[in-house]
Amino acid sequence: MERLKGKVALVTGGASGIGAETSRVFAREGAKVAITDVNDSGGRAVAAEIGEAAFYTHLDTRNEDEWRGVVEQTLGTYGRLDILVNAAGVPGSRSNGTGSPKIDEEDLENWNRVMDVNSTGIFLGMKSAIPEMRKTGGGSIINISSIYGLVGSVTSAAYHASKGSVRLATKAAALQYAAENIRANSVHPGMVTTGMTRDRNEDPVLSIPRLAKTPMGRFGQPIDIANGCLFLASDESGWMTGAELVIDGGYTVG
């Protein structure tokens, strides 16, 4: 149970869902973890649950200065940075709760909000982490995209665009830094039950069409994605970069 012994990870979106579970799994496998989020109470609770192997700090992933501060804090606390998990993200639905608009109904404010968090946030994370990974001879970048970074749907185009950009930005990084042993891979979850999706996934009526598209017959759980992140963070995936790890219960197979 020490697949990440001696490694230091920085996880965004670590207050809940996939980010929180990934933080727990990493710590259980021997890593030190810097947990970040804008949900301070949730992030502190996850760090307290993990104990001395983790700390929490606030991070708005859209803010480059905050990124610099978090990386400096991680280095000051643990002395190095080996793993970056960009798990922070927002849905494509409008923040006022009016649903996911079609393109001709989309407003620029909502489009920019989704792109800023889901796309610009992972860019700033990679930009901030790569120089420190270079100093230690390599590292693993894990960018959480979505099956909707691979296929289309009738839901928010902003979400699709943002998650598609995560996929290709990851491939660009993989090529640019392969010679320095800095690996970059994207993870593409399917219908996973988190705080963002729980109301729909656990509704006996609304869940039917989603579940019908998942051949394995169940929704994913955060641990399903965290286990994939563990593989990508570990030396077991040492010859793997620029790949798309799809974890979706078969949703995109057909």
C-alpha atoms as a PDB file:
ATOM      1  CA  MET A   1       0.000   0.000   0.000  1.00  0.00           C
ATOM      2  CA  GLU A   2       2.871   2.401  -0.698  1.00  0.00           C
ATOM      3  CA  ARG A   3       2.629   2.929  -4.438  1.00  0.00           C
ATOM      4  CA  LEU A   4       3.246   6.664  -3.977  1.00  0.00           C
ATOM      5  CA  LYS A   5       5.739   6.531  -1.131  1.00  0.00           C
ATOM      6  CA  GLY A   6       8.003   9.582  -1.118  1.00  0.00           C
ATOM      7  CA  LYS A   7       5.869  11.509  -3.629  1.00  0.00           C
ATOM      8  CA  VAL A   8       4.113  14.840  -3.132  1.00  0.00           C
ATOM      9  CA  ALA A   9       0.821  15.616  -4.860  1.00  0.00           C
ATOM     10  CA  LEU A  10      -1.199  18.776  -5.367  1.00  0.00           C
ATOM     11  CA  VAL A  11      -4.910  18.180  -5.955  1.00  0.00           C
ATOM     12  CA  THR A  12      -7.415  20.826  -7.026  1.00  0.00           C
ATOM     13  CA  GLY A  13     -11.108  20.427  -6.352  1.00  0.00           C
ATOM     14  CA  GLY A  14     -10.130  18.407  -3.312  1.00  0.00           C
ATOM     15  CA  ALA A  15     -13.014  19.377  -1.066  1.00  0.00           C
ATOM     16  CA  SER A  16     -15.447  16.873  -2.540  1.00  0.00           C
ATOM     17  CA  GLY A  17     -16.120  14.237  -5.159  1.00  0.00           C
ATOM     18  CA  ILE A  18     -13.291  12.956  -7.328  1.00  0.00           C
ATOM     19  CA  GLY A  19     -10.707  15.385  -5.929  1.00  0.00           C
ATOM     20  CA  ALA A  20     -11.446  14.445  -2.320  1.00  0.00           C
ATOM     21  CA  GLU A  21     -11.378  10.704  -2.986  1.00  0.00           C
ATOM     22  CA  THR A  22      -8.170  11.002  -4.993  1.00  0.00           C
ATOM     23  CA  SER A  23      -6.568  12.866  -2.100  1.00  0.00           C
ATOM     24  CA  ARG A  24      -7.579  10.086   0.302  1.00  0.00           C
ATOM     25  CA  VAL A  25      -6.275   7.330  -1.981  1.00  0.00           C
ATOM     26  CA  PHE A  26      -2.980   9.126  -2.596  1.00  0.00           C
ATOM     27  CA  ALA A  27      -2.378   9.614   1.125  1.00  0.00           C
ATOM     28  CA  ARG A  28      -3.276   5.999   1.824  1.00  0.00           C
ATOM     29  CA  GLU A  29      -0.664   4.980  -0.758  1.00  0.00           C
ATOM     30  CA  GLY A  30       2.091   6.965   0.912  1.00  0.00           C
ATOM     31  CA  ALA A  31       1.954  10.405  -0.718  1.00  0.00           C
ATOM     32  CA  LYS A  32       1.889  13.784   0.949  1.00  0.00           C
ATOM     33  CA  VAL A  33      -1.033  15.790  -0.414  1.00  0.00           C
ATOM     34  CA  ALA A  34      -1.723  19.498  -0.790  1.00  0.00           C
ATOM     35  CA  ILE A  35      -5.511  19.751  -1.048  1.00  0.00           C
ATOM     36  CA  THR A  36      -6.953  22.857  -2.678  1.00  0.00           C
ATOM     37  CA  ASP A  37     -10.413  24.186  -3.425  1.00  0.00           C
ATOM     38  CA  VAL A  38     -12.600  27.267  -3.053  1.00  0.00           C
ATOM     39  CA  ASN A  39     -14.819  25.339  -0.617  1.00  0.00           C
ATOM     40  CA  ASP A  40     -12.716  25.987   2.463  1.00  0.00           C
ATOM     41  CA  SER A  41     -14.855  24.147   5.002  1.00  0.00           C
ATOM     42  CA  GLY A  42     -15.048  21.029   2.839  1.00  0.00           C
ATOM     43  CA  GLY A  43     -11.343  21.115   2.034  1.00  0.00           C
ATOM     44  CA  ARG A  44     -10.336  21.478   5.659  1.00  0.00           C
ATOM     45  CA  ALA A  45     -12.584  18.563   6.577  1.00  0.00           C
ATOM     46  CA  VAL A  46     -10.936  16.284   4.003  1.00  0.00           C
ATOM     47  CA  ALA A  47      -7.458  17.303   5.167  1.00  0.00           C
ATOM     48  CA  ALA A  48      -8.414  16.720   8.809  1.00  0.00           C
ATOM     49  CA  GLU A  49      -9.774  13.287   7.912  1.00  0.00           C
ATOM     50  CA  ILE A  50      -6.506  12.354   6.195  1.00  0.00           C
ATOM     51  CA  GLY A  51      -4.354  13.704   9.018  1.00  0.00           C
ATOM     52  CA  GLU A  52      -0.672  14.590   8.976  1.00  0.00           C
ATOM     53  CA  ALA A  53      -0.164  13.457   5.379  1.00  0.00           C
ATOM     54  CA  ALA A  54      -2.189  16.391   4.018  1.00  0.00           C
ATOM     55  CA  PHE A  55      -2.877  20.075   4.364  1.00  0.00           C
ATOM     56  CA  TYR A  56      -5.561  22.289   2.878  1.00  0.00           C
ATOM     57  CA  THR A  57      -5.220  25.708   1.302  1.00  0.00           C
ATOM     58  CA  HIS A  58      -7.590  27.911  -0.673  1.00  0.00           C
ATOM     59  CA  LEU A  59      -7.097  28.079  -4.441  1.00  0.00           C
ATOM     60  CA  ASP A  60      -9.143  29.737  -7.141  1.00  0.00           C
ATOM     61  CA  THR A  61      -7.676  27.907 -10.129  1.00  0.00           C
ATOM     62  CA  ARG A  62      -8.360  30.903 -12.386  1.00  0.00           C
ATOM     63  CA  ASN A  63      -5.893  33.029 -10.447  1.00  0.00           C
ATOM     64  CA  GLU A  64      -2.217  32.720 -11.439  1.00  0.00           C
ATOM     65  CA  ASP A  65      -0.956  34.472  -8.307  1.00  0.00           C
ATOM     66  CA  GLU A  66      -2.845  32.016  -6.111  1.00  0.00           C
ATOM     67  CA  TRP A  67      -1.342  29.148  -8.075  1.00  0.00           C
ATOM     68  CA  ARG A  68       2.150  30.479  -7.402  1.00  0.00           C
ATOM     69  CA  GLY A  69       1.364  30.777  -3.712  1.00  0.00           C
ATOM     70  CA  VAL A  70       0.009  27.236  -3.456  1.00  0.00           C
ATOM     71  CA  VAL A  71       3.025  25.738  -5.212  1.00  0.00           C
ATOM     72  CA  GLU A  72       5.354  27.696  -2.925  1.00  0.00           C
ATOM     73  CA  GLN A  73       3.410  26.501   0.120  1.00  0.00           C
ATOM     74  CA  THR A  74       3.612  22.904  -1.064  1.00  0.00           C
ATOM     75  CA  LEU A  75       7.363  23.190  -1.561  1.00  0.00           C
ATOM     76  CA  GLY A  76       7.783  24.877   1.798  1.00  0.00           C
ATOM     77  CA  THR A  77       5.830  22.126   3.535  1.00  0.00           C
ATOM     78  CA  TYR A  78       6.971  19.005   1.703  1.00  0.00           C
ATOM     79  CA  GLY A  79      10.050  20.104  -0.244  1.00  0.00           C
ATOM     80  CA  ARG A  80       9.034  18.936  -3.719  1.00  0.00           C
ATOM     81  CA  LEU A  81       6.172  18.428  -6.167  1.00  0.00           C
ATOM     82  CA  ASP A  82       5.771  15.184  -8.103  1.00  0.00           C
ATOM     83  CA  ILE A  83       2.088  14.943  -9.005  1.00  0.00           C
ATOM     84  CA  LEU A  84      -0.549  17.433 -10.110  1.00  0.00           C
ATOM     85  CA  VAL A  85      -4.212  16.446 -10.305  1.00  0.00           C
ATOM     86  CA  ASN A  86      -6.396  19.095 -11.920  1.00  0.00           C
ATOM     87  CA  ALA A  87      -9.792  17.948 -10.679  1.00  0.00           C
ATOM     88  CA  ALA A  88     -11.503  21.302 -10.094  1.00  0.00           C
ATOM     89  CA  GLY A  89     -14.365  21.930 -12.472  1.00  0.00           C
ATOM     90  CA  VAL A  90     -17.840  23.353 -12.932  1.00  0.00           C
ATOM     91  CA  PRO A  91     -20.853  22.103 -14.918  1.00  0.00           C
ATOM     92  CA  GLY A  92     -22.072  23.836 -18.042  1.00  0.00           C
ATOM     93  CA  SER A  93     -25.444  24.756 -16.604  1.00  0.00           C
ATOM     94  CA  ARG A  94     -26.018  28.396 -15.779  1.00  0.00           C
ATOM     95  CA  SER A  95     -25.073  29.372 -12.244  1.00  0.00           C
ATOM     96  CA  ASN A  96     -28.610  30.709 -11.716  1.00  0.00           C
ATOM     97  CA  GLY A  97     -29.992  27.197 -12.088  1.00  0.00           C
ATOM     98  CA  THR A  98     -31.781  27.699 -15.416  1.00  0.00           C
ATOM     99  CA  GLY A  99     -30.196  24.662 -17.024  1.00  0.00           C
ATOM    100  CA  SER A 100     -27.709  23.971 -19.804  1.00  0.00           C
ATOM    101  CA  PRO A 101     -28.315  26.311 -22.747  1.00  0.00           C
ATOM    102  CA  LYS A 102     -28.019  25.517 -26.436  1.00  0.00           C
ATOM    103  CA  ILE A 103     -25.428  27.491 -28.384  1.00  0.00           C
ATOM    104  CA  ASP A 104     -27.853  30.130 -29.653  1.00  0.00           C
ATOM    105  CA  GLU A 105     -29.174  30.561 -26.113  1.00  0.00           C
ATOM    106  CA  GLU A 106     -25.765  30.681 -24.450  1.00  0.00           C
ATOM    107  CA  ASP A 107     -24.531  33.937 -22.967  1.00  0.00           C
ATOM    108  CA  LEU A 108     -20.908  34.995 -23.034  1.00  0.00           C
ATOM    109  CA  GLU A 109     -20.684  35.345 -19.270  1.00  0.00           C
ATOM    110  CA  ASN A 110     -21.603  31.708 -18.675  1.00  0.00           C
ATOM    111  CA  TRP A 111     -19.379  30.496 -21.523  1.00  0.00           C
ATOM    112  CA  ASN A 112     -16.385  32.347 -20.079  1.00  0.00           C
ATOM    113  CA  ARG A 113     -17.109  31.105 -16.549  1.00  0.00           C
ATOM    114  CA  VAL A 114     -17.044  27.478 -17.665  1.00  0.00           C
ATOM    115  CA  MET A 115     -13.964  27.907 -19.858  1.00  0.00           C
ATOM    116  CA  ASP A 116     -12.081  29.851 -17.179  1.00  0.00           C
ATOM    117  CA  VAL A 117     -12.436  27.128 -14.550  1.00  0.00           C
ATOM    118  CA  ASN A 118     -12.353  23.988 -16.678  1.00  0.00           C
ATOM    119  CA  SER A 119      -9.774  25.020 -19.283  1.00  0.00           C
ATOM    120  CA  THR A 120      -7.735  28.006 -18.110  1.00  0.00           C
ATOM    121  CA  GLY A 121      -7.507  26.473 -14.638  1.00  0.00           C
ATOM    122  CA  ILE A 122      -5.687  23.365 -15.871  1.00  0.00           C
ATOM    123  CA  PHE A 123      -3.380  25.503 -18.026  1.00  0.00           C
ATOM    124  CA  LEU A 124      -2.345  27.592 -15.025  1.00  0.00           C
ATOM    125  CA  GLY A 125      -1.867  24.446 -12.963  1.00  0.00           C
ATOM    126  CA  MET A 126       0.473  22.886 -15.491  1.00  0.00           C
ATOM    127  CA  LYS A 127       2.338  26.160 -15.997  1.00  0.00           C
ATOM    128  CA  SER A 128       2.900  26.478 -12.244  1.00  0.00           C
ATOM    129  CA  ALA A 129       3.818  22.851 -11.537  1.00  0.00           C
ATOM    130  CA  ILE A 130       6.067  21.950 -14.460  1.00  0.00           C
ATOM    131  CA  PRO A 131       9.094  24.058 -13.401  1.00  0.00           C
ATOM    132  CA  GLU A 132       9.112  22.322 -10.009  1.00  0.00           C
ATOM    133  CA  MET A 133       8.700  18.856 -11.519  1.00  0.00           C
ATOM    134  CA  ARG A 134      11.646  19.620 -13.774  1.00  0.00           C
ATOM    135  CA  LYS A 135      13.822  20.213 -10.701  1.00  0.00           C
ATOM    136  CA  THR A 136      13.126  16.716  -9.360  1.00  0.00           C
ATOM    137  CA  GLY A 137      13.656  14.937 -12.662  1.00  0.00           C
ATOM    138  CA  GLY A 138      10.064  14.363 -13.692  1.00  0.00           C
ATOM    139  CA  GLY A 139       6.476  14.178 -12.596  1.00  0.00           C
ATOM    140  CA  SER A 140       2.931  13.162 -13.444  1.00  0.00           C
ATOM    141  CA  ILE A 141       0.189  15.570 -14.512  1.00  0.00           C
ATOM    142  CA  ILE A 142      -3.345  14.187 -14.381  1.00  0.00           C
ATOM    143  CA  ASN A 143      -6.033  16.369 -15.910  1.00  0.00           C
ATOM    144  CA  ILE A 144      -9.637  15.414 -15.255  1.00  0.00           C
ATOM    145  CA  SER A 145     -11.624  15.831 -18.461  1.00  0.00           C
ATOM    146  CA  SER A 146     -14.880  13.969 -19.135  1.00  0.00           C
ATOM    147  CA  ILE A 147     -16.469  11.604 -21.602  1.00  0.00           C
ATOM    148  CA  TYR A 148     -17.908  14.872 -22.894  1.00  0.00           C
ATOM    149  CA  GLY A 149     -14.409  15.835 -23.890  1.00  0.00           C
ATOM    150  CA  LEU A 150     -14.610  12.886 -26.306  1.00  0.00           C
ATOM    151  CA  VAL A 151     -18.219  12.765 -27.537  1.00  0.00           C
ATOM    152  CA  GLY A 152     -21.045  15.219 -27.950  1.00  0.00           C
ATOM    153  CA  SER A 153     -24.454  15.478 -26.338  1.00  0.00           C
ATOM    154  CA  VAL A 154     -27.427  17.825 -26.274  1.00  0.00           C
ATOM    155  CA  THR A 155     -26.146  19.505 -23.103  1.00  0.00           C
ATOM    156  CA  SER A 156     -23.920  22.569 -22.676  1.00  0.00           C
ATOM    157  CA  ALA A 157     -21.533  23.283 -25.541  1.00  0.00           C
ATOM    158  CA  ALA A 158     -19.411  25.307 -23.137  1.00  0.00           C
ATOM    159  CA  TYR A 159     -18.820  22.213 -21.008  1.00  0.00           C
ATOM    160  CA  HIS A 160     -17.933  20.117 -24.055  1.00  0.00           C
ATOM    161  CA  ALA A 161     -15.585  22.791 -25.370  1.00  0.00           C
ATOM    162  CA  SER A 162     -13.849  23.150 -22.025  1.00  0.00           C
ATOM    163  CA  LYS A 163     -13.382  19.425 -21.491  1.00  0.00           C
ATOM    164  CA  GLY A 164     -12.277  18.882 -25.080  1.00  0.00           C
ATOM    165  CA  SER A 165      -9.611  21.523 -24.569  1.00  0.00           C
ATOM    166  CA  VAL A 166      -8.402  19.661 -21.478  1.00  0.00           C
ATOM    167  CA  ARG A 167      -7.850  16.583 -23.623  1.00  0.00           C
ATOM    168  CA  LEU A 168      -5.781  18.356 -26.276  1.00  0.00           C
ATOM    169  CA  ALA A 169      -3.880  20.635 -23.905  1.00  0.00           C
ATOM    170  CA  THR A 170      -2.840  17.460 -22.099  1.00  0.00           C
ATOM    171  CA  LYS A 171      -1.537  15.932 -25.325  1.00  0.00           C
ATOM    172  CA  ALA A 172       0.412  19.101 -26.108  1.00  0.00           C
ATOM    173  CA  ALA A 173       2.007  19.047 -22.664  1.00  0.00           C
ATOM    174  CA  ALA A 174       2.832  15.368 -23.046  1.00  0.00           C
ATOM    175  CA  LEU A 175       4.799  16.061 -26.204  1.00  0.00           C
ATOM    176  CA  GLN A 176       6.473  19.207 -24.928  1.00  0.00           C
ATOM    177  CA  TYR A 177       7.832  17.643 -21.739  1.00  0.00           C
ATOM    178  CA  ALA A 178       8.265  13.942 -22.525  1.00  0.00           C
ATOM    179  CA  ALA A 179      12.035  14.318 -22.817  1.00  0.00           C
ATOM    180  CA  GLU A 180      12.088  15.687 -19.270  1.00  0.00           C
ATOM    181  CA  ASN A 181      10.176  12.701 -17.869  1.00  0.00           C
ATOM    182  CA  ILE A 182       7.149  14.879 -17.103  1.00  0.00           C
ATOM    183  CA  ARG A 183       4.112  12.861 -18.098  1.00  0.00           C
ATOM    184  CA  ALA A 184       0.646  14.274 -18.819  1.00  0.00           C
ATOM    185  CA  ASN A 185      -2.487  12.179 -19.186  1.00  0.00           C
ATOM    186  CA  SER A 186      -6.190  12.975 -19.181  1.00  0.00           C
ATOM    187  CA  VAL A 187      -8.926  11.072 -17.351  1.00  0.00           C
ATOM    188  CA  HIS A 188     -12.419  10.878 -18.810  1.00  0.00           C
ATOM    189  CA  PRO A 189     -15.070   9.929 -16.246  1.00  0.00           C
ATOM    190  CA  GLY A 190     -18.519   8.855 -17.283  1.00  0.00           C
ATOM    191  CA  MET A 191     -21.629   9.235 -15.152  1.00  0.00           C
ATOM    192  CA  VAL A 192     -20.117   9.466 -11.683  1.00  0.00           C
ATOM    193  CA  THR A 193     -22.209  10.265  -8.627  1.00  0.00           C
ATOM    194  CA  THR A 194     -20.751  13.327  -6.905  1.00  0.00           C
ATOM    195  CA  GLY A 195     -22.226  16.399  -5.273  1.00  0.00           C
ATOM    196  CA  MET A 196     -22.584  17.880  -8.755  1.00  0.00           C
ATOM    197  CA  THR A 197     -24.680  14.987 -10.097  1.00  0.00           C
ATOM    198  CA  ARG A 198     -26.209  13.302  -7.055  1.00  0.00           C
ATOM    199  CA  ASP A 199     -29.685  14.852  -7.389  1.00  0.00           C
ATOM    200  CA  ARG A 200     -30.077  13.516 -10.929  1.00  0.00           C
ATOM    201  CA  ASN A 201     -28.269  10.196 -10.465  1.00  0.00           C
ATOM    202  CA  GLU A 202     -30.266   9.268  -7.376  1.00  0.00           C
ATOM    203  CA  ASP A 203     -33.639  10.381  -8.741  1.00  0.00           C
ATOM    204  CA  PRO A 204     -35.666   7.271  -9.670  1.00  0.00           C
ATOM    205  CA  VAL A 205     -36.988   8.924 -12.842  1.00  0.00           C
ATOM    206  CA  LEU A 206     -34.255  11.308 -13.991  1.00  0.00           C
ATOM    207  CA  SER A 207     -31.579   8.638 -13.589  1.00  0.00           C
ATOM    208  CA  ILE A 208     -33.189   6.203 -16.053  1.00  0.00           C
ATOM    209  CA  PRO A 209     -31.887   7.605 -19.370  1.00  0.00           C
ATOM    210  CA  ARG A 210     -28.371   8.115 -17.997  1.00  0.00           C
ATOM    211  CA  LEU A 211     -28.194   4.646 -16.553  1.00  0.00           C
ATOM    212  CA  ALA A 212     -29.590   3.135 -19.746  1.00  0.00           C
ATOM    213  CA  LYS A 213     -26.551   4.464 -21.638  1.00  0.00           C
ATOM    214  CA  THR A 214     -24.100   2.826 -19.228  1.00  0.00           C
ATOM    215  CA  PRO A 215     -23.636  -0.834 -20.231  1.00  0.00           C
ATOM    216  CA  MET A 216     -22.261  -1.896 -16.849  1.00  0.00           C
ATOM    217  CA  GLY A 217     -25.580  -0.927 -15.282  1.00  0.00           C
ATOM    218  CA  ARG A 218     -24.434   1.345 -12.490  1.00  0.00           C
ATOM    219  CA  PHE A 219     -23.205   4.864 -11.990  1.00  0.00           C
ATOM    220  CA  GLY A 220     -19.560   5.373 -11.196  1.00  0.00           C
ATOM    221  CA  GLN A 221     -18.315   6.408  -7.774  1.00  0.00           C
ATOM    222  CA  PRO A 222     -15.421   8.754  -6.997  1.00  0.00           C
ATOM    223  CA  ILE A 223     -13.259   5.792  -5.981  1.00  0.00           C
ATOM    224  CA  ASP A 224     -13.527   4.401  -9.531  1.00  0.00           C
ATOM    225  CA  ILE A 225     -11.859   7.537 -10.861  1.00  0.00           C
ATOM    226  CA  ALA A 226      -9.432   7.902  -7.954  1.00  0.00           C
ATOM    227  CA  ASN A 227      -8.070   4.423  -8.621  1.00  0.00           C
ATOM    228  CA  GLY A 228      -7.339   5.421 -12.205  1.00  0.00           C
ATOM    229  CA  CYS A 229      -5.573   8.562 -10.978  1.00  0.00           C
ATOM    230  CA  LEU A 230      -3.514   6.412  -8.619  1.00  0.00           C
ATOM    231  CA  PHE A 231      -2.256   4.347 -11.535  1.00  0.00           C
ATOM    232  CA  LEU A 232      -1.322   7.456 -13.515  1.00  0.00           C
ATOM    233  CA  ALA A 233       0.410   9.000 -10.503  1.00  0.00           C
ATOM    234  CA  SER A 234       2.449   5.889  -9.751  1.00  0.00           C
ATOM    235  CA  ASP A 235       5.581   4.598 -11.427  1.00  0.00           C
ATOM    236  CA  GLU A 236       3.471   1.752 -12.820  1.00  0.00           C
ATOM    237  CA  SER A 237       2.426   4.112 -15.625  1.00  0.00           C
ATOM    238  CA  GLY A 238       5.974   5.335 -16.183  1.00  0.00           C
ATOM    239  CA  TRP A 239       5.845   4.793 -19.973  1.00  0.00           C
ATOM    240  CA  MET A 240       2.428   6.349 -20.421  1.00  0.00           C
ATOM    241  CA  THR A 241       1.905   9.939 -21.525  1.00  0.00           C
ATOM    242  CA  GLY A 242      -0.572  11.784 -23.708  1.00  0.00           C
ATOM    243  CA  ALA A 243      -3.153   9.066 -23.154  1.00  0.00           C
ATOM    244  CA  GLU A 244      -6.870   9.254 -22.467  1.00  0.00           C
ATOM    245  CA  LEU A 245      -7.930   7.048 -19.564  1.00  0.00           C
ATOM    246  CA  VAL A 246     -11.664   6.517 -20.064  1.00  0.00           C
ATOM    247  CA  ILE A 247     -13.508   5.299 -16.965  1.00  0.00           C
ATOM    248  CA  ASP A 248     -17.167   5.262 -17.886  1.00  0.00           C
ATOM    249  CA  GLY A 249     -18.756   1.838 -17.389  1.00  0.00           C
ATOM    250  CA  GLY A 250     -18.818   1.405 -21.159  1.00  0.00           C
ATOM    251  CA  TYR A 251     -20.781   4.601 -21.915  1.00  0.00           C
ATOM    252  CA  THR A 252     -18.641   5.573 -24.920  1.00  0.00           C
ATOM    253  CA  VAL A 253     -18.106   2.074 -26.321  1.00  0.00           C
ATOM    254  CA  GLY A 254     -21.167   1.935 -28.518  1.00  0.00           C
END
